[in-house]
Protein backbone atom coordinates (compact mmCIF):
# COMPACT_ATOMS: atom_id res chain seq x y z
CA UNK A 1 14.13 8.28 -53.74
CA UNK A 2 12.03 11.16 -54.96
CA UNK A 3 8.46 10.40 -55.95
CA UNK A 4 8.80 12.86 -58.84
CA UNK A 5 11.40 10.60 -60.48
CA UNK A 6 9.06 7.62 -60.31
CA UNK A 7 6.14 9.65 -61.64
CA UNK A 8 8.26 10.78 -64.57
CA UNK A 9 9.26 7.18 -65.31
CA UNK A 10 5.63 6.12 -65.32
CA UNK A 11 4.66 8.98 -67.59
CA UNK A 12 7.38 8.04 -70.11
CA UNK A 13 6.22 4.42 -70.14
CA UNK A 14 2.54 5.34 -70.50
CA UNK A 15 2.97 8.07 -73.13
CA UNK A 16 5.78 6.38 -75.09
CA UNK A 17 8.18 9.34 -75.36
CA UNK A 18 9.94 12.04 -73.38
CA UNK A 19 8.16 14.70 -75.40
CA UNK A 20 4.69 13.36 -74.57
CA UNK A 21 5.70 12.81 -70.95
CA UNK A 22 6.91 16.42 -70.73
CA UNK A 23 3.58 17.69 -72.04
CA UNK A 24 1.70 15.48 -69.58
CA UNK A 25 3.78 16.58 -66.61
CA UNK A 26 3.99 20.24 -67.60
CA UNK A 27 7.79 20.32 -67.67
CA UNK A 28 10.42 20.51 -70.42
CA UNK A 29 11.61 17.51 -72.41
CA UNK A 30 15.14 18.03 -71.12
CA UNK A 31 13.83 17.92 -67.55
CA UNK A 32 12.21 14.56 -68.28
CA UNK A 33 15.50 13.23 -69.63
CA UNK A 34 17.40 14.47 -66.56
CA UNK A 35 14.93 12.82 -64.21
CA UNK A 36 15.20 9.49 -66.04
CA UNK A 37 19.00 9.66 -65.89
CA UNK A 38 18.87 10.48 -62.16
CA UNK A 39 16.56 7.54 -61.50
CA UNK A 40 18.90 5.21 -63.38
CA UNK A 41 21.82 6.48 -61.31
CA UNK A 42 19.99 5.92 -58.04
CA UNK A 43 18.94 2.40 -59.07
CA UNK A 44 22.27 1.54 -60.66
CA UNK A 45 20.47 0.18 -63.71
CA UNK A 46 19.91 1.21 -67.31
CA UNK A 47 16.16 1.49 -67.65
CA UNK A 48 16.15 2.64 -71.29
CA UNK A 49 18.32 2.25 -74.35
CA UNK A 50 18.82 5.52 -76.24
CA UNK A 51 18.12 4.86 -79.91
CA UNK A 52 18.22 7.95 -82.16
CA UNK A 53 16.39 10.10 -79.60
CA UNK A 54 14.02 7.34 -78.56
CA UNK A 55 13.92 5.61 -75.17
CA UNK A 56 13.55 1.84 -75.49
CA UNK A 57 12.71 0.06 -72.21
CA UNK A 58 15.26 -2.53 -71.11
CA UNK A 59 14.43 -5.95 -69.67
CA UNK A 60 15.28 -4.59 -66.21
CA UNK A 61 12.86 -1.75 -66.84
CA UNK A 62 10.06 -4.21 -67.60
CA UNK A 63 10.83 -6.18 -64.43
CA UNK A 64 10.74 -3.06 -62.25
CA UNK A 65 7.83 -1.37 -63.98
CA UNK A 66 5.06 -2.94 -61.87
CA UNK A 67 6.76 -2.11 -58.59
CA UNK A 68 7.46 1.46 -59.66
CA UNK A 69 3.86 1.94 -60.77
CA UNK A 70 2.73 0.59 -57.38
CA UNK A 71 4.96 3.06 -55.56
CA UNK A 72 3.54 5.92 -57.61
CA UNK A 73 -0.01 4.82 -56.82
CA UNK A 74 0.76 4.56 -53.10
CA UNK A 75 2.46 7.93 -53.21
CA UNK A 76 -0.65 9.44 -54.79
CA UNK A 77 -2.81 7.82 -52.11
CA UNK A 78 -0.52 9.20 -49.42
CA UNK A 79 -0.68 12.69 -50.90
CA UNK A 80 -4.47 12.47 -51.08
CA UNK A 81 -4.77 11.39 -47.44
CA UNK A 82 -2.36 14.15 -46.39
CA UNK A 83 -4.44 16.72 -48.29
CA UNK A 84 -7.62 15.49 -46.62
CA UNK A 85 -5.95 15.61 -43.21
CA UNK A 86 -4.80 19.19 -43.86
CA UNK A 87 -8.41 20.05 -44.64
CA UNK A 88 -9.62 18.19 -41.53
CA UNK A 89 -11.90 15.98 -43.62
CA UNK A 90 -10.71 12.42 -44.19
CA UNK A 91 -11.97 8.85 -43.97
CA UNK A 92 -8.91 8.28 -41.75
CA UNK A 93 -10.36 10.60 -39.10
CA UNK A 94 -12.62 9.47 -36.27
CA UNK A 95 -13.62 12.37 -34.03
CA UNK A 96 -14.46 11.18 -30.52
CA UNK A 97 -16.78 13.56 -28.67
CA UNK A 98 -18.21 13.27 -25.14
CA UNK A 99 -21.25 15.29 -24.03
CA UNK A 100 -23.89 15.11 -21.30
CA UNK A 101 -26.88 12.99 -22.21
CA UNK A 102 -29.13 16.02 -21.68
CA UNK A 103 -27.79 17.57 -24.91
CA UNK A 104 -28.36 14.59 -27.17
CA UNK A 105 -32.07 14.80 -27.90
CA UNK A 106 -32.07 17.70 -30.35
CA UNK A 107 -29.18 20.13 -29.77
CA UNK A 108 -26.23 17.81 -30.45
CA UNK A 109 -27.94 15.97 -33.34
CA UNK A 110 -28.46 19.34 -35.04
CA UNK A 111 -24.82 20.33 -34.50
CA UNK A 112 -23.55 16.98 -35.79
CA UNK A 113 -25.81 17.20 -38.84
CA UNK A 114 -24.24 20.53 -39.83
CA UNK A 115 -20.71 19.42 -38.94
CA UNK A 116 -20.92 16.21 -40.98
CA UNK A 117 -22.43 18.09 -43.92
CA UNK A 118 -19.23 20.16 -43.99
CA UNK A 119 -16.95 17.19 -43.22
CA UNK A 120 -18.52 14.38 -45.18
CA UNK A 121 -15.56 11.98 -44.88
CA UNK A 122 -15.18 12.18 -41.10
CA UNK A 123 -16.63 9.58 -38.74
CA UNK A 124 -17.88 10.74 -35.32
CA UNK A 125 -17.93 8.60 -32.20
CA UNK A 126 -20.37 10.16 -29.72
CA UNK A 127 -20.05 9.32 -26.02
CA UNK A 128 -22.47 10.47 -23.32
CA UNK A 129 -22.24 10.53 -19.56
CA UNK A 130 -22.08 12.73 -16.45
CA UNK A 131 -19.39 15.38 -16.20
CA UNK A 132 -16.98 13.32 -14.08
CA UNK A 133 -17.17 10.48 -16.61
CA UNK A 134 -16.49 12.90 -19.48
CA UNK A 135 -13.41 14.19 -17.65
CA UNK A 136 -12.10 10.63 -17.27
CA UNK A 137 -12.76 9.94 -20.96
CA UNK A 138 -10.65 12.95 -21.92
CA UNK A 139 -7.79 11.98 -19.63
CA UNK A 140 -7.90 8.35 -20.84
CA UNK A 141 -8.00 9.55 -24.48
CA UNK A 142 -11.30 7.78 -25.07
CA UNK A 143 -12.57 11.18 -26.23
CA UNK A 144 -10.69 14.04 -27.88
CA UNK A 145 -13.09 16.81 -26.91
CA UNK A 146 -15.78 16.98 -24.24
CA UNK A 147 -18.47 19.42 -23.11
CA UNK A 148 -18.22 20.22 -19.39
CA UNK A 149 -19.52 22.53 -16.71
CA UNK A 150 -16.69 24.67 -15.39
CA UNK A 151 -14.76 24.83 -13.18
CA UNK A 152 -13.56 21.32 -13.98
CA UNK A 153 -12.59 18.90 -11.24
CA UNK A 154 -9.47 17.14 -12.54
CA UNK A 155 -6.00 18.41 -13.47
CA UNK A 156 -4.60 17.66 -16.91
CA UNK A 157 -7.44 19.27 -18.86
CA UNK A 158 -7.60 22.61 -20.64
CA UNK A 159 -10.85 24.38 -21.47
CA UNK A 160 -12.23 26.71 -24.11
CA UNK A 161 -15.05 28.68 -22.43
CA UNK A 162 -18.18 28.69 -24.54
CA UNK A 163 -21.25 30.10 -22.87
CA UNK A 164 -22.87 31.22 -19.66
CA UNK A 165 -26.42 29.91 -19.27
CA UNK A 166 -28.84 31.25 -16.69
CA UNK A 167 -31.09 29.15 -14.49
CA UNK A 168 -34.68 28.95 -15.71
CA UNK A 169 -37.86 27.74 -14.12
CA UNK A 170 -39.43 25.01 -16.25
CA UNK A 171 -43.17 24.42 -15.81
CA UNK A 172 -46.07 22.82 -17.68
CA UNK A 173 -47.50 24.95 -20.49
CA UNK A 174 -50.74 25.48 -18.57
CA UNK A 175 -49.11 26.47 -15.28
CA UNK A 176 -50.29 29.85 -13.83
CA UNK A 177 -46.67 31.06 -13.52
CA UNK A 178 -46.29 31.06 -17.32
CA UNK A 179 -48.11 34.43 -17.23
CA UNK A 180 -45.00 35.97 -15.64
CA UNK A 181 -41.99 37.06 -17.70
CA UNK A 182 -39.65 36.28 -14.79
CA UNK A 183 -39.97 33.94 -11.83
CA UNK A 184 -38.78 34.97 -8.38
CA UNK A 185 -37.90 32.52 -5.66
CA UNK A 186 -40.92 33.73 -3.67
CA UNK A 187 -43.18 32.69 -6.59
CA UNK A 188 -42.14 29.11 -5.82
CA UNK A 189 -43.33 29.16 -2.20
CA UNK A 190 -45.50 26.08 -1.79
CA UNK A 191 -44.88 24.86 -5.36
CA UNK A 192 -44.00 21.16 -5.74
CA UNK A 193 -40.42 21.12 -7.05
CA UNK A 194 -38.33 18.68 -9.04
CA UNK A 195 -34.71 19.49 -8.28
CA UNK A 196 -31.45 17.99 -9.46
CA UNK A 197 -29.39 15.96 -6.98
CA UNK A 198 -28.42 17.88 -3.86
CA UNK A 199 -24.73 16.98 -4.13
CA UNK A 200 -24.28 19.13 -7.23
CA UNK A 201 -22.89 22.67 -7.07
CA UNK A 202 -25.89 24.26 -8.89
CA UNK A 203 -28.24 22.59 -6.38
CA UNK A 204 -26.32 24.09 -3.47
CA UNK A 205 -26.76 27.54 -5.01
CA UNK A 206 -30.50 26.94 -5.38
CA UNK A 207 -30.81 25.75 -1.78
CA UNK A 208 -28.96 28.87 -0.60
CA UNK A 209 -31.36 31.06 -2.60
CA UNK A 210 -34.37 29.53 -0.84
CA UNK A 211 -32.61 29.82 2.51
CA UNK A 212 -31.92 33.52 1.86
CA UNK A 213 -35.61 33.99 0.98
CA UNK A 214 -36.54 32.51 4.37
CA UNK A 215 -38.33 29.29 3.48
CA UNK A 216 -37.61 25.68 2.65
CA UNK A 217 -38.41 24.44 -0.88
CA UNK A 218 -41.08 21.78 -1.24
CA UNK A 219 -39.05 19.16 -3.08
CA UNK A 220 -41.30 16.48 -4.48
CA UNK A 221 -38.76 14.60 -6.65
CA UNK A 222 -34.96 14.47 -6.63
CA UNK A 223 -33.81 13.99 -10.23
CA UNK A 224 -30.33 13.34 -11.60
CA UNK A 225 -30.48 14.77 -15.11
CA UNK A 226 -32.06 17.70 -16.89
CA UNK A 227 -33.69 15.16 -19.18
CA UNK A 228 -35.55 13.41 -16.35
CA UNK A 229 -36.41 16.70 -14.60
CA UNK A 230 -38.02 18.20 -17.71
CA UNK A 231 -39.84 14.96 -18.51
CA UNK A 232 -41.29 14.89 -14.99
CA UNK A 233 -42.43 18.49 -15.39
CA UNK A 234 -44.16 17.54 -18.64
CA UNK A 235 -45.95 14.78 -16.72
CA UNK A 236 -47.34 17.38 -14.30
CA UNK A 237 -45.33 16.42 -11.22
CA UNK A 238 -44.13 19.95 -10.47
CA UNK A 239 -41.72 22.59 -11.73
CA UNK A 240 -37.93 22.42 -11.97
CA UNK A 241 -34.95 24.76 -11.99
CA UNK A 242 -32.31 23.90 -14.59
CA UNK A 243 -29.87 25.66 -16.88
CA UNK A 244 -31.40 27.30 -19.93
CA UNK A 245 -29.09 25.61 -22.44
CA UNK A 246 -30.17 22.08 -21.67
CA UNK A 247 -33.77 23.12 -21.13
CA UNK A 248 -33.82 23.99 -24.84
CA UNK A 249 -33.19 20.32 -25.67
CA UNK A 250 -36.75 19.61 -24.48
CA UNK A 251 -38.61 22.41 -26.22
CA UNK A 252 -40.69 19.74 -27.97
CA UNK A 253 -42.32 18.81 -24.65
CA UNK A 254 -45.45 20.65 -23.34
CA UNK A 255 -43.31 22.80 -21.06
CA UNK A 256 -42.40 26.48 -20.79
CA UNK A 257 -39.40 28.11 -19.14
CA UNK A 258 -38.88 31.55 -17.66
CA UNK A 259 -35.69 33.16 -16.26
CA UNK A 260 -35.17 33.07 -12.52
CA UNK A 261 -34.59 36.04 -10.24
CA UNK A 262 -32.20 36.44 -8.56
CA UNK A 263 -30.09 35.25 -11.48
CA UNK A 264 -28.09 32.03 -11.13
CA UNK A 265 -25.65 31.18 -13.91
CA UNK A 266 -23.96 28.05 -15.25
CA UNK A 267 -20.64 28.17 -17.13
CA UNK A 268 -19.83 25.60 -19.79
CA UNK A 269 -16.78 24.90 -21.93
CA UNK A 270 -15.29 22.45 -24.36
CA UNK A 271 -12.39 20.62 -22.73
CA UNK A 272 -9.47 18.59 -24.01
CA UNK A 273 -6.33 16.94 -22.63
CA UNK A 274 -3.38 19.26 -22.06
CA UNK A 275 -1.11 16.49 -23.37
CA UNK A 276 -2.58 16.39 -26.87
CA UNK A 277 -3.36 19.48 -28.97
CA UNK A 278 -6.70 19.50 -30.75
CA UNK A 279 -6.72 18.18 -34.28
CA UNK A 280 -7.91 20.48 -37.02
CA UNK A 281 -11.10 18.44 -37.22
CA UNK A 282 -11.78 18.73 -33.49
CA UNK A 283 -11.13 22.47 -33.59
CA UNK A 284 -13.62 22.84 -36.44
CA UNK A 285 -16.18 20.92 -34.37
CA UNK A 286 -15.56 23.14 -31.32
CA UNK A 287 -15.87 26.32 -33.41
CA UNK A 288 -19.12 25.24 -35.06
CA UNK A 289 -20.61 23.93 -31.80
CA UNK A 290 -19.68 27.08 -29.90
CA UNK A 291 -21.37 29.28 -32.48
CA UNK A 292 -24.53 27.14 -32.45
CA UNK A 293 -24.75 27.04 -28.65
CA UNK A 294 -24.17 30.77 -28.28
CA UNK A 295 -26.84 31.50 -30.90
CA UNK A 296 -29.27 29.23 -29.04
CA UNK A 297 -29.17 31.47 -25.97
CA UNK A 298 -29.46 34.81 -27.73
CA UNK A 299 -32.69 36.69 -26.87
């Protein structure tokens, strides 16, 4: 049964005539009459008595009126939800995002602030964890979109490359190396270092760089997140080598970073399950986040 027929019925009841209903609906009076006749045919009931051009509601009409009005209201609600979903902004939408904890101090809150300002009806569920956990969340559909270092480790995920971030040397604000515009590996000879866990791919690249330079780094602390590494630098325990993107999340600390030479890069992407295409809302989040992250690394 067409919703338009029910809406026309309601309009006739509420306005009291086919002429007023036609004006309300923006159609002709004859179209209103045809719709009422079609509805009566589909229901197999006379809803109105025709009395000298007037429509007089029958008893059956009165008995059905409440249910028809309810259907029209639910149809309007359905159309409203569908419109919101087409726009990617609906109270029915919960966007589940997974990111490393080292992005959640200032970078991700700023992105979410702007995203929710544009999508005021959407609810966001923010998960944090290491990259392997984020991959599992995406495959288990606990998250729709995740931020990962690439290449990824598990099959079943597709990626949208976002940015390439260089390795930077992070040091206390008053460190003598802050006078240099670029830090070479030889500048770190004898410096106490705070390095991320040795099992990670970026750490292996750093170790190889020191090996190529002909000396062993003086590792004072092994850390397991950019957050802890930068916090330890701020406490004066040494200097660290991390990716520039996440180093920016700790710009509020008394630390300074300089690019490393030779250059070491980190590639990041937004990832999602290959089994489920991104929703319009998730795509909008990826687009906004990508633009913000790329702008963050511009000179």
